Amino acid sequence: MFGQDVADNSHEDDLKHVKGKGGVFKATVDLQRRFGSARVFNAPIAEACIVGSAIGMAARGLKPVAEIQFFDYIWPAMMQLRNELPVIRWRSNGALKRRR
């Protein structure tokens, strides 16, 4: 799980000293404490980067869960879904294929 402010703190050592944020809608409160910083972490405020990273993670076999805070900001991320993802097999010269 990653996105803007989804982790309680960017520095795991400080978790015991701060109250959890859990994202703007509090949907991820305490997930970082429960599952660790390797599985729940903050991302920069860059929607295209978040979605592009999720696509890359999925292409490598991971199961990412990415959060975009507000729908108003989804349009920069749509370029990744519309222009990058559909041609990933071609751009990788067939190295990345759909897994069944």
N, C-alpha and C. Protein backbone atom coordinates (compact mmCIF):
# COMPACT_ATOMS: atom_id res chain seq x y z
N MET A 1 0.86 -1.17 0.00
CA MET A 1 0.00 0.00 0.00
C MET A 1 0.89 1.22 0.00
N PHE A 2 0.70 2.07 -0.98
CA PHE A 2 1.47 3.31 -0.99
C PHE A 2 0.69 4.41 -1.65
N GLY A 3 1.04 5.62 -1.33
CA GLY A 3 0.37 6.80 -1.87
C GLY A 3 0.75 8.01 -1.03
N GLN A 4 0.00 9.05 -1.21
CA GLN A 4 0.30 10.31 -0.52
C GLN A 4 -0.23 10.26 0.91
N ASP A 5 0.68 10.28 1.86
CA ASP A 5 0.35 10.30 3.30
C ASP A 5 -0.39 9.05 3.78
N VAL A 6 -0.23 7.91 3.15
CA VAL A 6 -0.92 6.70 3.62
C VAL A 6 -0.22 6.07 4.81
N ALA A 7 1.11 6.24 4.90
CA ALA A 7 1.85 5.71 6.05
C ALA A 7 1.72 6.67 7.22
N ASP A 8 1.84 6.13 8.40
CA ASP A 8 1.72 6.96 9.59
C ASP A 8 2.90 7.91 9.74
N ASN A 9 4.09 7.48 9.30
CA ASN A 9 5.28 8.31 9.42
C ASN A 9 6.31 7.81 8.41
N SER A 10 7.06 8.70 7.83
CA SER A 10 8.08 8.30 6.87
C SER A 10 9.31 7.71 7.55
N HIS A 11 9.46 7.94 8.83
CA HIS A 11 10.59 7.43 9.60
C HIS A 11 10.08 6.42 10.62
N GLU A 12 10.32 5.15 10.38
CA GLU A 12 9.76 4.10 11.22
C GLU A 12 10.19 4.22 12.69
N ASP A 13 11.38 4.74 12.93
CA ASP A 13 11.85 4.90 14.31
C ASP A 13 10.99 5.86 15.11
N ASP A 14 10.29 6.76 14.42
CA ASP A 14 9.46 7.75 15.11
C ASP A 14 8.02 7.31 15.31
N LEU A 15 7.65 6.12 14.87
CA LEU A 15 6.26 5.68 14.97
C LEU A 15 5.73 5.67 16.40
N LYS A 16 6.59 5.33 17.35
CA LYS A 16 6.13 5.27 18.74
C LYS A 16 5.85 6.65 19.33
N HIS A 17 6.31 7.71 18.65
CA HIS A 17 6.16 9.07 19.18
C HIS A 17 5.05 9.88 18.50
N VAL A 18 4.49 9.37 17.42
CA VAL A 18 3.50 10.14 16.67
C VAL A 18 2.19 9.38 16.56
N LYS A 19 1.13 10.14 16.41
CA LYS A 19 -0.18 9.56 16.16
C LYS A 19 -0.28 9.25 14.67
N GLY A 20 -0.91 8.17 14.31
CA GLY A 20 -1.03 7.77 12.91
C GLY A 20 -1.89 8.70 12.10
N LYS A 21 -1.52 8.91 10.84
CA LYS A 21 -2.30 9.75 9.93
C LYS A 21 -3.32 8.91 9.19
N GLY A 22 -2.83 7.94 8.45
CA GLY A 22 -3.74 7.07 7.73
C GLY A 22 -4.34 7.69 6.49
N GLY A 23 -3.64 8.61 5.89
CA GLY A 23 -4.15 9.23 4.67
C GLY A 23 -5.17 10.29 4.96
N VAL A 24 -5.56 10.98 3.93
CA VAL A 24 -6.49 12.10 4.08
C VAL A 24 -7.87 11.63 4.56
N PHE A 25 -8.23 10.39 4.26
CA PHE A 25 -9.55 9.88 4.64
C PHE A 25 -9.47 8.86 5.78
N LYS A 26 -8.27 8.71 6.38
CA LYS A 26 -8.05 7.81 7.51
C LYS A 26 -8.28 6.34 7.17
N ALA A 27 -8.22 5.98 5.91
CA ALA A 27 -8.47 4.60 5.49
C ALA A 27 -7.31 3.67 5.80
N THR A 28 -6.12 4.21 6.03
CA THR A 28 -4.94 3.37 6.25
C THR A 28 -4.32 3.57 7.63
N VAL A 29 -5.09 4.05 8.58
CA VAL A 29 -4.57 4.28 9.93
C VAL A 29 -4.01 2.97 10.50
N ASP A 30 -2.79 3.03 11.02
CA ASP A 30 -2.11 1.92 11.69
C ASP A 30 -1.70 0.77 10.78
N LEU A 31 -1.91 0.85 9.48
CA LEU A 31 -1.44 -0.22 8.59
C LEU A 31 0.08 -0.32 8.60
N GLN A 32 0.76 0.82 8.64
CA GLN A 32 2.22 0.79 8.69
C GLN A 32 2.70 0.12 9.98
N ARG A 33 2.05 0.40 11.07
CA ARG A 33 2.43 -0.23 12.34
C ARG A 33 2.20 -1.74 12.28
N ARG A 34 1.13 -2.16 11.66
CA ARG A 34 0.80 -3.59 11.59
C ARG A 34 1.65 -4.36 10.60
N PHE A 35 1.95 -3.75 9.45
CA PHE A 35 2.61 -4.49 8.37
C PHE A 35 4.02 -4.01 8.04
N GLY A 36 4.47 -2.91 8.65
CA GLY A 36 5.82 -2.44 8.45
C GLY A 36 5.98 -1.48 7.29
N SER A 37 7.11 -0.78 7.30
CA SER A 37 7.38 0.25 6.29
C SER A 37 7.71 -0.31 4.92
N ALA A 38 8.07 -1.56 4.84
CA ALA A 38 8.35 -2.17 3.53
C ALA A 38 7.05 -2.42 2.76
N ARG A 39 5.94 -2.55 3.47
CA ARG A 39 4.66 -2.85 2.82
C ARG A 39 3.70 -1.67 2.78
N VAL A 40 3.89 -0.68 3.65
CA VAL A 40 3.05 0.52 3.67
C VAL A 40 3.98 1.72 3.75
N PHE A 41 3.96 2.54 2.70
CA PHE A 41 4.89 3.67 2.67
C PHE A 41 4.30 4.83 1.89
N ASN A 42 4.84 6.01 2.18
CA ASN A 42 4.40 7.23 1.52
C ASN A 42 5.07 7.38 0.16
N ALA A 43 4.39 8.03 -0.74
CA ALA A 43 4.91 8.33 -2.06
C ALA A 43 4.94 9.85 -2.24
N PRO A 44 5.73 10.33 -3.18
CA PRO A 44 5.73 11.77 -3.43
C PRO A 44 4.40 12.23 -4.02
N ILE A 45 4.16 13.51 -3.97
CA ILE A 45 2.93 14.06 -4.55
C ILE A 45 3.14 14.12 -6.06
N ALA A 46 2.96 12.98 -6.69
CA ALA A 46 3.17 12.86 -8.14
C ALA A 46 2.31 11.68 -8.62
N GLU A 47 1.10 11.97 -9.00
CA GLU A 47 0.13 10.93 -9.32
C GLU A 47 0.61 10.01 -10.44
N ALA A 48 1.23 10.58 -11.49
CA ALA A 48 1.74 9.75 -12.58
C ALA A 48 2.83 8.81 -12.08
N CYS A 49 3.64 9.27 -11.16
CA CYS A 49 4.69 8.44 -10.58
C CYS A 49 4.08 7.30 -9.75
N ILE A 50 3.06 7.58 -8.99
CA ILE A 50 2.43 6.56 -8.16
C ILE A 50 1.83 5.46 -9.04
N VAL A 51 1.07 5.85 -10.05
CA VAL A 51 0.43 4.86 -10.92
C VAL A 51 1.47 4.13 -11.77
N GLY A 52 2.45 4.86 -12.28
CA GLY A 52 3.51 4.23 -13.05
C GLY A 52 4.30 3.23 -12.23
N SER A 53 4.57 3.57 -10.97
CA SER A 53 5.27 2.64 -10.08
C SER A 53 4.43 1.39 -9.81
N ALA A 54 3.13 1.59 -9.62
CA ALA A 54 2.24 0.44 -9.40
C ALA A 54 2.22 -0.48 -10.62
N ILE A 55 2.22 0.11 -11.81
CA ILE A 55 2.26 -0.70 -13.03
C ILE A 55 3.56 -1.50 -13.08
N GLY A 56 4.67 -0.85 -12.79
CA GLY A 56 5.96 -1.53 -12.78
C GLY A 56 6.03 -2.64 -11.76
N MET A 57 5.49 -2.39 -10.56
CA MET A 57 5.47 -3.41 -9.52
C MET A 57 4.65 -4.62 -9.97
N ALA A 58 3.49 -4.34 -10.55
CA ALA A 58 2.62 -5.42 -11.01
C ALA A 58 3.29 -6.21 -12.14
N ALA A 59 4.02 -5.53 -13.00
CA ALA A 59 4.72 -6.20 -14.09
C ALA A 59 5.79 -7.15 -13.56
N ARG A 60 6.30 -6.88 -12.38
CA ARG A 60 7.33 -7.72 -11.77
C ARG A 60 6.74 -8.78 -10.83
N GLY A 61 5.41 -8.87 -10.79
CA GLY A 61 4.77 -9.92 -10.01
C GLY A 61 4.27 -9.53 -8.64
N LEU A 62 4.47 -8.28 -8.23
CA LEU A 62 3.94 -7.83 -6.95
C LEU A 62 2.46 -7.48 -7.10
N LYS A 63 1.80 -7.24 -6.00
CA LYS A 63 0.39 -6.87 -6.01
C LYS A 63 0.22 -5.53 -5.30
N PRO A 64 0.60 -4.44 -5.97
CA PRO A 64 0.56 -3.13 -5.32
C PRO A 64 -0.87 -2.61 -5.13
N VAL A 65 -1.04 -1.84 -4.08
CA VAL A 65 -2.27 -1.10 -3.84
C VAL A 65 -1.85 0.36 -3.75
N ALA A 66 -2.22 1.14 -4.73
CA ALA A 66 -1.83 2.55 -4.78
C ALA A 66 -3.04 3.44 -4.53
N GLU A 67 -2.80 4.52 -3.80
CA GLU A 67 -3.89 5.45 -3.50
C GLU A 67 -3.58 6.82 -4.11
N ILE A 68 -4.55 7.35 -4.82
CA ILE A 68 -4.52 8.73 -5.28
C ILE A 68 -5.53 9.46 -4.41
N GLN A 69 -5.11 10.54 -3.76
CA GLN A 69 -5.96 11.18 -2.75
C GLN A 69 -7.29 11.67 -3.29
N PHE A 70 -7.26 12.45 -4.35
CA PHE A 70 -8.49 13.06 -4.84
C PHE A 70 -8.65 12.79 -6.33
N PHE A 71 -9.85 12.53 -6.76
CA PHE A 71 -10.09 12.19 -8.16
C PHE A 71 -9.69 13.33 -9.10
N ASP A 72 -9.73 14.54 -8.62
CA ASP A 72 -9.32 15.69 -9.46
C ASP A 72 -7.91 15.52 -10.01
N TYR A 73 -7.08 14.76 -9.30
CA TYR A 73 -5.68 14.62 -9.70
C TYR A 73 -5.40 13.31 -10.44
N ILE A 74 -6.41 12.60 -10.85
CA ILE A 74 -6.21 11.32 -11.54
C ILE A 74 -5.73 11.52 -12.97
N TRP A 75 -5.99 12.66 -13.57
CA TRP A 75 -5.67 12.84 -14.99
C TRP A 75 -4.19 12.74 -15.32
N PRO A 76 -3.27 13.26 -14.49
CA PRO A 76 -1.86 13.01 -14.80
C PRO A 76 -1.51 11.52 -14.77
N ALA A 77 -2.20 10.78 -13.91
CA ALA A 77 -1.95 9.34 -13.81
C ALA A 77 -2.55 8.57 -14.98
N MET A 78 -3.58 9.10 -15.58
CA MET A 78 -4.22 8.39 -16.70
C MET A 78 -3.27 8.18 -17.87
N MET A 79 -2.28 9.06 -18.04
CA MET A 79 -1.32 8.89 -19.12
C MET A 79 -0.59 7.55 -18.97
N GLN A 80 -0.29 7.18 -17.74
CA GLN A 80 0.37 5.90 -17.51
C GLN A 80 -0.52 4.73 -17.94
N LEU A 81 -1.80 4.84 -17.64
CA LEU A 81 -2.74 3.77 -17.99
C LEU A 81 -3.08 3.75 -19.47
N ARG A 82 -3.13 4.92 -20.07
CA ARG A 82 -3.54 5.02 -21.48
C ARG A 82 -2.37 4.86 -22.45
N ASN A 83 -1.21 5.45 -22.13
CA ASN A 83 -0.11 5.48 -23.09
C ASN A 83 1.04 4.53 -22.78
N GLU A 84 1.25 4.20 -21.52
CA GLU A 84 2.41 3.38 -21.16
C GLU A 84 2.06 1.90 -20.99
N LEU A 85 1.06 1.60 -20.19
CA LEU A 85 0.70 0.20 -19.93
C LEU A 85 0.36 -0.60 -21.19
N PRO A 86 -0.44 -0.07 -22.10
CA PRO A 86 -0.82 -0.87 -23.27
C PRO A 86 0.36 -1.29 -24.17
N VAL A 87 1.46 -0.57 -24.12
CA VAL A 87 2.57 -0.88 -25.03
C VAL A 87 3.77 -1.47 -24.28
N ILE A 88 3.58 -1.90 -23.04
CA ILE A 88 4.71 -2.38 -22.25
C ILE A 88 5.35 -3.63 -22.86
N ARG A 89 4.56 -4.50 -23.45
CA ARG A 89 5.13 -5.69 -24.07
C ARG A 89 5.99 -5.31 -25.28
N TRP A 90 5.48 -4.40 -26.08
CA TRP A 90 6.23 -3.94 -27.25
C TRP A 90 7.51 -3.22 -26.82
N ARG A 91 7.41 -2.34 -25.83
CA ARG A 91 8.57 -1.56 -25.39
C ARG A 91 9.62 -2.43 -24.70
N SER A 92 9.22 -3.57 -24.16
CA SER A 92 10.18 -4.47 -23.51
C SER A 92 10.69 -5.54 -24.47
N ASN A 93 10.32 -5.42 -25.74
CA ASN A 93 10.72 -6.40 -26.76
C ASN A 93 10.25 -7.80 -26.39
N GLY A 94 9.05 -7.87 -25.83
CA GLY A 94 8.43 -9.15 -25.50
C GLY A 94 8.88 -9.74 -24.17
N ALA A 95 9.75 -9.05 -23.44
CA ALA A 95 10.25 -9.59 -22.16
C ALA A 95 9.16 -9.61 -21.09
N LEU A 96 8.23 -8.65 -21.12
CA LEU A 96 7.13 -8.62 -20.17
C LEU A 96 5.86 -9.08 -20.89
N LYS A 97 5.40 -10.24 -20.51
CA LYS A 97 4.21 -10.83 -21.11
C LYS A 97 3.16 -11.01 -20.05
N ARG A 98 1.93 -11.14 -20.48
CA ARG A 98 0.83 -11.37 -19.54
C ARG A 98 1.00 -12.72 -18.88
N ARG A 99 0.85 -12.74 -17.58
CA ARG A 99 0.94 -13.99 -16.83
C ARG A 99 -0.44 -14.59 -16.66
N ARG A 100 -0.53 -15.86 -16.75
CA ARG A 100 -1.83 -16.53 -16.61
C ARG A 100 -1.90 -17.24 -15.30
